[in-house]
Amino acid sequence: MKKKVLSIMLITTLVATLFAGCGTKEETGSNGDAENATITESAEATEAPEATQAPAAEGNGELIVGTEAGFAPYEFLEGDQVVGIDMDIAQAIADAMGKELVIKNMDFDGALMAVQNGTIDLVAAGVSIDADRQKVMDFSDPYVDSTEVVVVNKANPAVATVDSDGLAGKVIGVQQGNIADFWVEDNIDAKETKRYTKFGQAAEDLKNEKIDCIVMDQYPAEDLVKSNPELSILDGTLFQDKYAIAVKKGNTELLDQINAVIKDLKDSGKMDEFTAKYTSK
């Protein structure tokens, strides 16, 4: 009987070893630089990741950050690399933890769903702290104050003033799931709110007068207008907001580490350097 049990154990061990050798090895970067951090996934998903997906890799030497690389200067593509203010912050967090930064580029909504499910460790994507979001995820200390502005068609602006009266009855473009989406929904009697996954799509519709304006953060708006001279930013601030890093609900250990890095970046002046690096070009 003992021999039979031993034989079964040996067979089980052998099978497990064989299957372990069949896994795929994911390519990763190794130079500890935000501009060269590994991008392991590019996804257009806005739904929750499948339950069969692998869990976040916080415990195995990698720190996985989800982002949407169409929100310059916070995150954008240079060639095939995701760079920007948020990616420099994420790299600083990974360095402080002694981990390798892995960047997953996905739709904004998809990133927020992924961190809730634990398939990524954190989201750094110009995420605003919102009461509804706080019910399903946790947030770091704010690391930047954002200013929301209105972008219009330069030749034929359909909006005259940056306030609720000026936007009333208009077709307004926003990024789906962004705080501007919620703010417009709650505060503006719009004719229609058109939701986009990419600001580039909204810009094309605005140039073709399919929408009346776009509500978005000032820095990305300046970048959008620079790339699309047919557009312009109206004078005035619509509302102000704060950005923070999102983690899975209850992950206080990671949150404490992130907050320590954010404090150090602010105290040392590095946070201002990150901002100047991408806004002074």
C-alpha atoms as a PDB file:
ATOM      1  CA  MET A   1       0.000   0.000   0.000  1.00  0.00           C
ATOM      2  CA  LYS A   2       2.806   2.446   0.839  1.00  0.00           C
ATOM      3  CA  LYS A   3       4.511   1.647  -2.474  1.00  0.00           C
ATOM      4  CA  LYS A   4       1.269   2.317  -4.323  1.00  0.00           C
ATOM      5  CA  VAL A   5       0.847   5.705  -2.635  1.00  0.00           C
ATOM      6  CA  LEU A   6       4.477   6.577  -3.328  1.00  0.00           C
ATOM      7  CA  SER A   7       4.056   5.687  -7.003  1.00  0.00           C
ATOM      8  CA  ILE A   8       1.005   7.899  -7.305  1.00  0.00           C
ATOM      9  CA  MET A   9       2.894  10.799  -5.678  1.00  0.00           C
ATOM     10  CA  LEU A  10       5.825  10.388  -8.063  1.00  0.00           C
ATOM     11  CA  ILE A  11       3.527  10.317 -11.103  1.00  0.00           C
ATOM     12  CA  THR A  12       1.696  13.430  -9.877  1.00  0.00           C
ATOM     13  CA  THR A  13       4.993  15.288  -9.375  1.00  0.00           C
ATOM     14  CA  LEU A  14       6.206  14.282 -12.842  1.00  0.00           C
ATOM     15  CA  VAL A  15       2.977  15.475 -14.531  1.00  0.00           C
ATOM     16  CA  ALA A  16       3.082  18.789 -12.666  1.00  0.00           C
ATOM     17  CA  THR A  17       6.708  19.316 -13.734  1.00  0.00           C
ATOM     18  CA  LEU A  18       5.886  18.616 -17.370  1.00  0.00           C
ATOM     19  CA  PHE A  19       2.974  21.052 -17.377  1.00  0.00           C
ATOM     20  CA  ALA A  20       5.081  23.725 -15.658  1.00  0.00           C
ATOM     21  CA  GLY A  21       7.461  23.621 -18.597  1.00  0.00           C
ATOM     22  CA  CYS A  22       4.669  24.420 -21.068  1.00  0.00           C
ATOM     23  CA  GLY A  23       3.987  27.965 -19.875  1.00  0.00           C
ATOM     24  CA  THR A  24       4.853  31.010 -21.975  1.00  0.00           C
ATOM     25  CA  LYS A  25       7.488  33.474 -20.828  1.00  0.00           C
ATOM     26  CA  GLU A  26       6.432  37.123 -20.989  1.00  0.00           C
ATOM     27  CA  GLU A  27       9.024  39.575 -22.261  1.00  0.00           C
ATOM     28  CA  THR A  28       9.847  42.316 -19.805  1.00  0.00           C
ATOM     29  CA  GLY A  29      12.077  45.361 -19.716  1.00  0.00           C
ATOM     30  CA  SER A  30      14.867  45.684 -17.227  1.00  0.00           C
ATOM     31  CA  ASN A  31      16.402  49.127 -17.299  1.00  0.00           C
ATOM     32  CA  GLY A  32      14.202  50.774 -14.636  1.00  0.00           C
ATOM     33  CA  ASP A  33      13.300  53.732 -16.852  1.00  0.00           C
ATOM     34  CA  ALA A  34       9.724  54.883 -17.340  1.00  0.00           C
ATOM     35  CA  GLU A  35      10.327  55.567 -21.016  1.00  0.00           C
ATOM     36  CA  ASN A  36      11.404  51.974 -21.558  1.00  0.00           C
ATOM     37  CA  ALA A  37       9.107  50.140 -19.168  1.00  0.00           C
ATOM     38  CA  THR A  38       7.541  47.057 -20.672  1.00  0.00           C
ATOM     39  CA  ILE A  39       4.152  47.336 -22.326  1.00  0.00           C
ATOM     40  CA  THR A  40       2.620  43.891 -22.000  1.00  0.00           C
ATOM     41  CA  GLU A  41      -0.861  44.559 -23.295  1.00  0.00           C
ATOM     42  CA  SER A  42      -2.755  46.948 -25.527  1.00  0.00           C
ATOM     43  CA  ALA A  43      -6.501  46.519 -25.144  1.00  0.00           C
ATOM     44  CA  GLU A  44      -9.636  48.341 -26.207  1.00  0.00           C
ATOM     45  CA  ALA A  45     -11.704  46.553 -23.566  1.00  0.00           C
ATOM     46  CA  THR A  46     -14.138  48.568 -21.521  1.00  0.00           C
ATOM     47  CA  GLU A  47     -15.673  45.578 -19.784  1.00  0.00           C
ATOM     48  CA  ALA A  48     -14.417  43.803 -16.703  1.00  0.00           C
ATOM     49  CA  PRO A  49     -11.559  41.388 -17.414  1.00  0.00           C
ATOM     50  CA  GLU A  50     -12.474  37.710 -17.368  1.00  0.00           C
ATOM     51  CA  ALA A  51     -12.214  35.925 -14.041  1.00  0.00           C
ATOM     52  CA  THR A  52      -9.733  33.504 -15.631  1.00  0.00           C
ATOM     53  CA  GLN A  53      -7.121  36.222 -16.155  1.00  0.00           C
ATOM     54  CA  ALA A  54      -3.940  36.043 -14.121  1.00  0.00           C
ATOM     55  CA  PRO A  55      -3.877  38.113 -10.915  1.00  0.00           C
ATOM     56  CA  ALA A  56      -1.805  41.255 -10.547  1.00  0.00           C
ATOM     57  CA  ALA A  57       1.889  40.610 -10.141  1.00  0.00           C
ATOM     58  CA  GLU A  58       2.641  42.867  -7.159  1.00  0.00           C
ATOM     59  CA  GLY A  59       4.034  39.918  -5.236  1.00  0.00           C
ATOM     60  CA  ASN A  60       6.325  38.446  -7.884  1.00  0.00           C
ATOM     61  CA  GLY A  61       8.800  41.217  -8.651  1.00  0.00           C
ATOM     62  CA  GLU A  62       6.585  43.205 -11.020  1.00  0.00           C
ATOM     63  CA  LEU A  63       4.334  46.208 -10.469  1.00  0.00           C
ATOM     64  CA  ILE A  64       1.578  46.338 -13.088  1.00  0.00           C
ATOM     65  CA  VAL A  65       0.117  49.745 -13.905  1.00  0.00           C
ATOM     66  CA  GLY A  66      -2.928  50.245 -16.105  1.00  0.00           C
ATOM     67  CA  THR A  67      -3.265  53.421 -18.141  1.00  0.00           C
ATOM     68  CA  GLU A  68      -4.830  54.928 -21.256  1.00  0.00           C
ATOM     69  CA  ALA A  69      -2.068  56.348 -23.425  1.00  0.00           C
ATOM     70  CA  GLY A  70      -4.083  59.102 -25.048  1.00  0.00           C
ATOM     71  CA  PHE A  71      -4.018  61.699 -22.287  1.00  0.00           C
ATOM     72  CA  ALA A  72      -0.857  63.732 -22.817  1.00  0.00           C
ATOM     73  CA  PRO A  73       1.079  64.937 -20.917  1.00  0.00           C
ATOM     74  CA  TYR A  74       0.035  62.424 -18.245  1.00  0.00           C
ATOM     75  CA  GLU A  75       0.329  59.356 -20.490  1.00  0.00           C
ATOM     76  CA  PHE A  76       0.936  59.103 -24.221  1.00  0.00           C
ATOM     77  CA  LEU A  77       2.874  57.123 -26.793  1.00  0.00           C
ATOM     78  CA  GLU A  78       6.376  57.940 -28.011  1.00  0.00           C
ATOM     79  CA  GLY A  79       6.907  55.308 -30.651  1.00  0.00           C
ATOM     80  CA  ASP A  80       5.755  52.123 -28.967  1.00  0.00           C
ATOM     81  CA  GLN A  81       6.576  53.305 -25.442  1.00  0.00           C
ATOM     82  CA  VAL A  82       4.061  54.805 -23.000  1.00  0.00           C
ATOM     83  CA  VAL A  83       5.546  57.892 -21.345  1.00  0.00           C
ATOM     84  CA  GLY A  84       4.275  60.880 -19.369  1.00  0.00           C
ATOM     85  CA  ILE A  85       3.895  62.352 -15.898  1.00  0.00           C
ATOM     86  CA  ASP A  86       1.906  59.409 -14.562  1.00  0.00           C
ATOM     87  CA  MET A  87       4.380  56.894 -15.953  1.00  0.00           C
ATOM     88  CA  ASP A  88       7.289  58.697 -14.270  1.00  0.00           C
ATOM     89  CA  ILE A  89       5.355  58.561 -10.990  1.00  0.00           C
ATOM     90  CA  ALA A  90       4.604  54.861 -11.512  1.00  0.00           C
ATOM     91  CA  GLN A  91       8.286  54.221 -12.228  1.00  0.00           C
ATOM     92  CA  ALA A  92       9.269  55.999  -8.999  1.00  0.00           C
ATOM     93  CA  ILE A  93       6.823  53.793  -7.090  1.00  0.00           C
ATOM     94  CA  ALA A  94       8.208  50.636  -8.696  1.00  0.00           C
ATOM     95  CA  ASP A  95      11.789  51.721  -7.971  1.00  0.00           C
ATOM     96  CA  ALA A  96      10.960  52.415  -4.311  1.00  0.00           C
ATOM     97  CA  MET A  97       9.445  48.935  -4.034  1.00  0.00           C
ATOM     98  CA  GLY A  98      12.359  47.285  -5.823  1.00  0.00           C
ATOM     99  CA  LYS A  99      10.054  46.033  -8.571  1.00  0.00           C
ATOM    100  CA  GLU A 100       9.982  46.118 -12.348  1.00  0.00           C
ATOM    101  CA  LEU A 101       7.322  48.399 -13.836  1.00  0.00           C
ATOM    102  CA  VAL A 102       5.009  46.731 -16.354  1.00  0.00           C
ATOM    103  CA  ILE A 103       2.650  49.027 -18.275  1.00  0.00           C
ATOM    104  CA  LYS A 104      -0.695  47.839 -19.623  1.00  0.00           C
ATOM    105  CA  ASN A 105      -2.260  50.250 -22.110  1.00  0.00           C
ATOM    106  CA  MET A 106      -6.054  49.940 -22.223  1.00  0.00           C
ATOM    107  CA  ASP A 107      -9.228  51.984 -22.337  1.00  0.00           C
ATOM    108  CA  PHE A 108      -9.800  54.165 -19.276  1.00  0.00           C
ATOM    109  CA  ASP A 109     -12.896  52.259 -18.142  1.00  0.00           C
ATOM    110  CA  GLY A 110     -11.099  48.964 -18.702  1.00  0.00           C
ATOM    111  CA  ALA A 111      -8.226  50.049 -16.475  1.00  0.00           C
ATOM    112  CA  LEU A 112     -10.584  50.965 -13.634  1.00  0.00           C
ATOM    113  CA  MET A 113     -12.356  47.611 -13.935  1.00  0.00           C
ATOM    114  CA  ALA A 114      -9.031  45.752 -14.012  1.00  0.00           C
ATOM    115  CA  VAL A 115      -7.796  47.303 -10.753  1.00  0.00           C
ATOM    116  CA  GLN A 116     -11.087  46.456  -9.063  1.00  0.00           C
ATOM    117  CA  ASN A 117     -10.676  42.833 -10.160  1.00  0.00           C
ATOM    118  CA  GLY A 118      -7.037  42.736  -9.097  1.00  0.00           C
ATOM    119  CA  THR A 119      -5.675  41.929 -12.557  1.00  0.00           C
ATOM    120  CA  ILE A 120      -3.455  45.006 -12.338  1.00  0.00           C
ATOM    121  CA  ASP A 121      -1.884  46.595  -9.262  1.00  0.00           C
ATOM    122  CA  LEU A 122      -2.762  50.241  -9.813  1.00  0.00           C
ATOM    123  CA  VAL A 123      -4.153  52.755 -12.271  1.00  0.00           C
ATOM    124  CA  ALA A 124      -2.207  55.913 -13.116  1.00  0.00           C
ATOM    125  CA  ALA A 125      -4.245  57.655 -15.793  1.00  0.00           C
ATOM    126  CA  GLY A 126      -5.330  61.068 -14.572  1.00  0.00           C
ATOM    127  CA  VAL A 127      -7.896  59.401 -12.306  1.00  0.00           C
ATOM    128  CA  SER A 128     -10.143  61.741 -10.328  1.00  0.00           C
ATOM    129  CA  ILE A 129     -11.269  60.922  -6.814  1.00  0.00           C
ATOM    130  CA  ASP A 130     -15.004  60.382  -6.959  1.00  0.00           C
ATOM    131  CA  ALA A 131     -17.452  59.248  -4.270  1.00  0.00           C
ATOM    132  CA  ASP A 132     -18.823  56.406  -6.412  1.00  0.00           C
ATOM    133  CA  ARG A 133     -15.335  55.220  -7.293  1.00  0.00           C
ATOM    134  CA  GLN A 134     -14.324  55.259  -3.648  1.00  0.00           C
ATOM    135  CA  LYS A 135     -16.967  52.593  -2.994  1.00  0.00           C
ATOM    136  CA  VAL A 136     -15.179  50.086  -5.262  1.00  0.00           C
ATOM    137  CA  MET A 137     -11.499  51.121  -5.177  1.00  0.00           C
ATOM    138  CA  ASP A 138      -9.085  53.026  -2.946  1.00  0.00           C
ATOM    139  CA  PHE A 139      -7.157  56.186  -3.823  1.00  0.00           C
ATOM    140  CA  SER A 140      -3.766  57.571  -2.990  1.00  0.00           C
ATOM    141  CA  ASP A 141      -3.210  61.097  -1.787  1.00  0.00           C
ATOM    142  CA  PRO A 142      -3.825  63.544  -4.670  1.00  0.00           C
ATOM    143  CA  TYR A 143      -0.690  64.339  -6.639  1.00  0.00           C
ATOM    144  CA  VAL A 144      -1.905  67.081  -8.981  1.00  0.00           C
ATOM    145  CA  ASP A 145      -4.686  69.683  -9.231  1.00  0.00           C
ATOM    146  CA  SER A 146      -6.369  69.650 -12.633  1.00  0.00           C
ATOM    147  CA  THR A 147      -8.255  72.405 -14.416  1.00  0.00           C
ATOM    148  CA  GLU A 148     -11.123  71.450 -16.728  1.00  0.00           C
ATOM    149  CA  VAL A 149     -11.617  73.565 -19.842  1.00  0.00           C
ATOM    150  CA  VAL A 150     -13.779  73.713 -22.959  1.00  0.00           C
ATOM    151  CA  VAL A 151     -12.368  73.028 -26.431  1.00  0.00           C
ATOM    152  CA  VAL A 152     -14.258  74.358 -29.473  1.00  0.00           C
ATOM    153  CA  ASN A 153     -14.040  74.519 -33.249  1.00  0.00           C
ATOM    154  CA  LYS A 154     -11.809  77.539 -33.848  1.00  0.00           C
ATOM    155  CA  ALA A 155     -13.457  78.724 -37.062  1.00  0.00           C
ATOM    156  CA  ASN A 156     -17.015  78.205 -35.882  1.00  0.00           C
ATOM    157  CA  PRO A 157     -17.224  77.994 -32.068  1.00  0.00           C
ATOM    158  CA  ALA A 158     -20.631  76.757 -30.913  1.00  0.00           C
ATOM    159  CA  VAL A 159     -19.995  77.679 -27.270  1.00  0.00           C
ATOM    160  CA  ALA A 160     -19.518  81.278 -26.153  1.00  0.00           C
ATOM    161  CA  THR A 161     -19.025  81.091 -22.388  1.00  0.00           C
ATOM    162  CA  VAL A 162     -17.375  78.552 -20.070  1.00  0.00           C
ATOM    163  CA  ASP A 163     -20.247  77.901 -17.676  1.00  0.00           C
ATOM    164  CA  SER A 164     -23.427  75.865 -17.388  1.00  0.00           C
ATOM    165  CA  ASP A 165     -25.423  78.413 -19.406  1.00  0.00           C
ATOM    166  CA  GLY A 166     -22.881  78.382 -22.207  1.00  0.00           C
ATOM    167  CA  LEU A 167     -22.946  74.580 -22.418  1.00  0.00           C
ATOM    168  CA  ALA A 168     -26.710  74.166 -22.050  1.00  0.00           C
ATOM    169  CA  GLY A 169     -28.354  72.645 -25.103  1.00  0.00           C
ATOM    170  CA  LYS A 170     -25.020  71.684 -26.674  1.00  0.00           C
ATOM    171  CA  VAL A 171     -23.634  68.380 -27.917  1.00  0.00           C
ATOM    172  CA  ILE A 172     -20.680  67.841 -25.584  1.00  0.00           C
ATOM    173  CA  GLY A 173     -17.813  65.415 -26.095  1.00  0.00           C
ATOM    174  CA  VAL A 174     -16.141  63.761 -23.098  1.00  0.00           C
ATOM    175  CA  GLN A 175     -13.907  60.774 -22.433  1.00  0.00           C
ATOM    176  CA  GLN A 176     -16.047  57.871 -21.276  1.00  0.00           C
ATOM    177  CA  GLY A 177     -15.692  57.295 -17.543  1.00  0.00           C
ATOM    178  CA  ASN A 178     -13.629  60.458 -17.037  1.00  0.00           C
ATOM    179  CA  ILE A 179     -14.657  62.870 -14.284  1.00  0.00           C
ATOM    180  CA  ALA A 180     -15.751  65.349 -16.987  1.00  0.00           C
ATOM    181  CA  ASP A 181     -18.263  62.727 -18.126  1.00  0.00           C
ATOM    182  CA  PHE A 182     -19.837  62.606 -14.658  1.00  0.00           C
ATOM    183  CA  TRP A 183     -19.618  66.372 -14.125  1.00  0.00           C
ATOM    184  CA  VAL A 184     -21.366  67.188 -17.387  1.00  0.00           C
ATOM    185  CA  GLU A 185     -24.027  64.574 -16.658  1.00  0.00           C
ATOM    186  CA  ASP A 186     -24.706  66.074 -13.211  1.00  0.00           C
ATOM    187  CA  ASN A 187     -24.359  69.787 -13.947  1.00  0.00           C
ATOM    188  CA  ILE A 188     -25.191  70.535 -17.589  1.00  0.00           C
ATOM    189  CA  ASP A 189     -28.536  70.397 -19.370  1.00  0.00           C
ATOM    190  CA  ALA A 190     -26.864  69.216 -22.552  1.00  0.00           C
ATOM    191  CA  LYS A 191     -28.595  68.316 -25.779  1.00  0.00           C
ATOM    192  CA  GLU A 192     -26.393  65.214 -25.860  1.00  0.00           C
ATOM    193  CA  THR A 193     -23.261  63.920 -24.179  1.00  0.00           C
ATOM    194  CA  LYS A 194     -21.097  61.959 -26.614  1.00  0.00           C
ATOM    195  CA  ARG A 195     -18.644  59.611 -24.923  1.00  0.00           C
ATOM    196  CA  TYR A 196     -15.342  58.675 -26.546  1.00  0.00           C
ATOM    197  CA  THR A 197     -12.601  56.240 -25.593  1.00  0.00           C
ATOM    198  CA  LYS A 198      -9.973  58.479 -27.246  1.00  0.00           C
ATOM    199  CA  PHE A 199      -9.779  62.268 -27.361  1.00  0.00           C
ATOM    200  CA  GLY A 200      -8.476  62.014 -30.923  1.00  0.00           C
ATOM    201  CA  GLN A 201     -11.883  60.692 -31.972  1.00  0.00           C
ATOM    202  CA  ALA A 202     -13.611  63.610 -30.261  1.00  0.00           C
ATOM    203  CA  ALA A 203     -11.251  66.063 -31.963  1.00  0.00           C
ATOM    204  CA  GLU A 204     -12.176  64.741 -35.408  1.00  0.00           C
ATOM    205  CA  ASP A 205     -15.890  65.051 -34.661  1.00  0.00           C
ATOM    206  CA  LEU A 206     -15.385  68.589 -33.345  1.00  0.00           C
ATOM    207  CA  LYS A 207     -13.471  69.612 -36.469  1.00  0.00           C
ATOM    208  CA  ASN A 208     -16.325  68.224 -38.580  1.00  0.00           C
ATOM    209  CA  GLU A 209     -18.910  69.989 -36.362  1.00  0.00           C
ATOM    210  CA  LYS A 210     -20.544  66.742 -35.279  1.00  0.00           C
ATOM    211  CA  ILE A 211     -20.222  67.938 -31.671  1.00  0.00           C
ATOM    212  CA  ASP A 212     -20.164  71.469 -30.242  1.00  0.00           C
ATOM    213  CA  CYS A 213     -17.273  71.172 -27.792  1.00  0.00           C
ATOM    214  CA  ILE A 214     -15.091  68.896 -25.678  1.00  0.00           C
ATOM    215  CA  VAL A 215     -14.773  69.151 -21.890  1.00  0.00           C
ATOM    216  CA  MET A 216     -11.349  67.969 -20.714  1.00  0.00           C
ATOM    217  CA  ASP A 217      -8.260  68.668 -18.605  1.00  0.00           C
ATOM    218  CA  GLN A 218      -6.243  71.759 -19.526  1.00  0.00           C
ATOM    219  CA  TYR A 219      -2.897  70.059 -20.227  1.00  0.00           C
ATOM    220  CA  PRO A 220      -4.309  67.356 -22.522  1.00  0.00           C
ATOM    221  CA  ALA A 221      -6.446  70.069 -24.140  1.00  0.00           C
ATOM    222  CA  GLU A 222      -3.343  72.130 -24.899  1.00  0.00           C
ATOM    223  CA  ASP A 223      -1.704  69.069 -26.432  1.00  0.00           C
ATOM    224  CA  LEU A 224      -4.846  68.299 -28.464  1.00  0.00           C
ATOM    225  CA  VAL A 225      -5.051  71.850 -29.827  1.00  0.00           C
ATOM    226  CA  LYS A 226      -1.351  71.819 -30.684  1.00  0.00           C
ATOM    227  CA  SER A 227      -1.946  68.734 -32.815  1.00  0.00           C
ATOM    228  CA  ASN A 228      -5.230  70.077 -34.216  1.00  0.00           C
ATOM    229  CA  PRO A 229      -4.902  73.800 -35.048  1.00  0.00           C
ATOM    230  CA  GLU A 230      -8.525  73.835 -36.199  1.00  0.00           C
ATOM    231  CA  LEU A 231      -9.472  73.742 -32.514  1.00  0.00           C
ATOM    232  CA  SER A 232      -9.043  76.242 -29.689  1.00  0.00           C
ATOM    233  CA  ILE A 233      -9.527  76.451 -25.913  1.00  0.00           C
ATOM    234  CA  LEU A 234     -12.029  78.968 -24.573  1.00  0.00           C
ATOM    235  CA  ASP A 235     -10.833  81.322 -21.859  1.00  0.00           C
ATOM    236  CA  GLY A 236     -11.982  80.343 -18.391  1.00  0.00           C
ATOM    237  CA  THR A 237     -12.129  77.347 -16.060  1.00  0.00           C
ATOM    238  CA  LEU A 238     -15.205  75.111 -16.044  1.00  0.00           C
ATOM    239  CA  PHE A 239     -14.291  73.290 -12.810  1.00  0.00           C
ATOM    240  CA  GLN A 240     -11.245  72.036 -10.924  1.00  0.00           C
ATOM    241  CA  ASP A 241     -10.354  68.553  -9.827  1.00  0.00           C
ATOM    242  CA  LYS A 242      -7.587  66.413  -8.285  1.00  0.00           C
ATOM    243  CA  TYR A 243      -5.869  63.314  -9.653  1.00  0.00           C
ATOM    244  CA  ALA A 244      -4.800  60.298  -7.604  1.00  0.00           C
ATOM    245  CA  ILE A 245      -3.646  56.719  -8.129  1.00  0.00           C
ATOM    246  CA  ALA A 246      -6.257  53.980  -7.815  1.00  0.00           C
ATOM    247  CA  VAL A 247      -5.641  50.564  -6.218  1.00  0.00           C
ATOM    248  CA  LYS A 248      -7.819  47.583  -5.383  1.00  0.00           C
ATOM    249  CA  LYS A 249     -10.183  48.162  -2.468  1.00  0.00           C
ATOM    250  CA  GLY A 250      -8.505  47.201   0.786  1.00  0.00           C
ATOM    251  CA  ASN A 251      -4.926  47.098  -0.519  1.00  0.00           C
ATOM    252  CA  THR A 252      -3.643  49.361   2.251  1.00  0.00           C
ATOM    253  CA  GLU A 253      -0.084  48.025   2.099  1.00  0.00           C
ATOM    254  CA  LEU A 254       0.380  49.155  -1.501  1.00  0.00           C
ATOM    255  CA  LEU A 255      -1.506  52.388  -0.829  1.00  0.00           C
ATOM    256  CA  ASP A 256       0.856  53.292   2.026  1.00  0.00           C
ATOM    257  CA  GLN A 257       3.875  52.692  -0.209  1.00  0.00           C
ATOM    258  CA  ILE A 258       2.390  54.827  -2.981  1.00  0.00           C
ATOM    259  CA  ASN A 259       1.569  57.683  -0.594  1.00  0.00           C
ATOM    260  CA  ALA A 260       5.125  57.642   0.775  1.00  0.00           C
ATOM    261  CA  VAL A 261       6.517  57.994  -2.757  1.00  0.00           C
ATOM    262  CA  ILE A 262       4.067  60.783  -3.666  1.00  0.00           C
ATOM    263  CA  LYS A 263       5.066  62.707  -0.533  1.00  0.00           C
ATOM    264  CA  ASP A 264       8.761  62.285  -1.327  1.00  0.00           C
ATOM    265  CA  LEU A 265       8.258  63.384  -4.949  1.00  0.00           C
ATOM    266  CA  LYS A 266       6.437  66.510  -3.798  1.00  0.00           C
ATOM    267  CA  ASP A 267       8.875  67.354  -1.002  1.00  0.00           C
ATOM    268  CA  SER A 268      11.929  66.856  -3.209  1.00  0.00           C
ATOM    269  CA  GLY A 269      10.541  68.857  -6.136  1.00  0.00           C
ATOM    270  CA  LYS A 270      10.612  65.818  -8.430  1.00  0.00           C
ATOM    271  CA  MET A 271       6.858  66.032  -9.023  1.00  0.00           C
ATOM    272  CA  ASP A 272       7.296  69.538 -10.431  1.00  0.00           C
ATOM    273  CA  GLU A 273      10.187  68.254 -12.563  1.00  0.00           C
ATOM    274  CA  PHE A 274       7.979  65.505 -14.011  1.00  0.00           C
ATOM    275  CA  THR A 275       5.330  68.080 -14.919  1.00  0.00           C
ATOM    276  CA  ALA A 276       7.810  70.518 -16.452  1.00  0.00           C
ATOM    277  CA  LYS A 277       9.446  67.703 -18.417  1.00  0.00           C
ATOM    278  CA  TYR A 278       6.263  67.090 -20.407  1.00  0.00           C
ATOM    279  CA  THR A 279       4.573  70.497 -20.421  1.00  0.00           C
ATOM    280  CA  SER A 280       7.481  72.718 -21.448  1.00  0.00           C
ATOM    281  CA  LYS A 281       8.085  71.052 -24.811  1.00  0.00           C
END
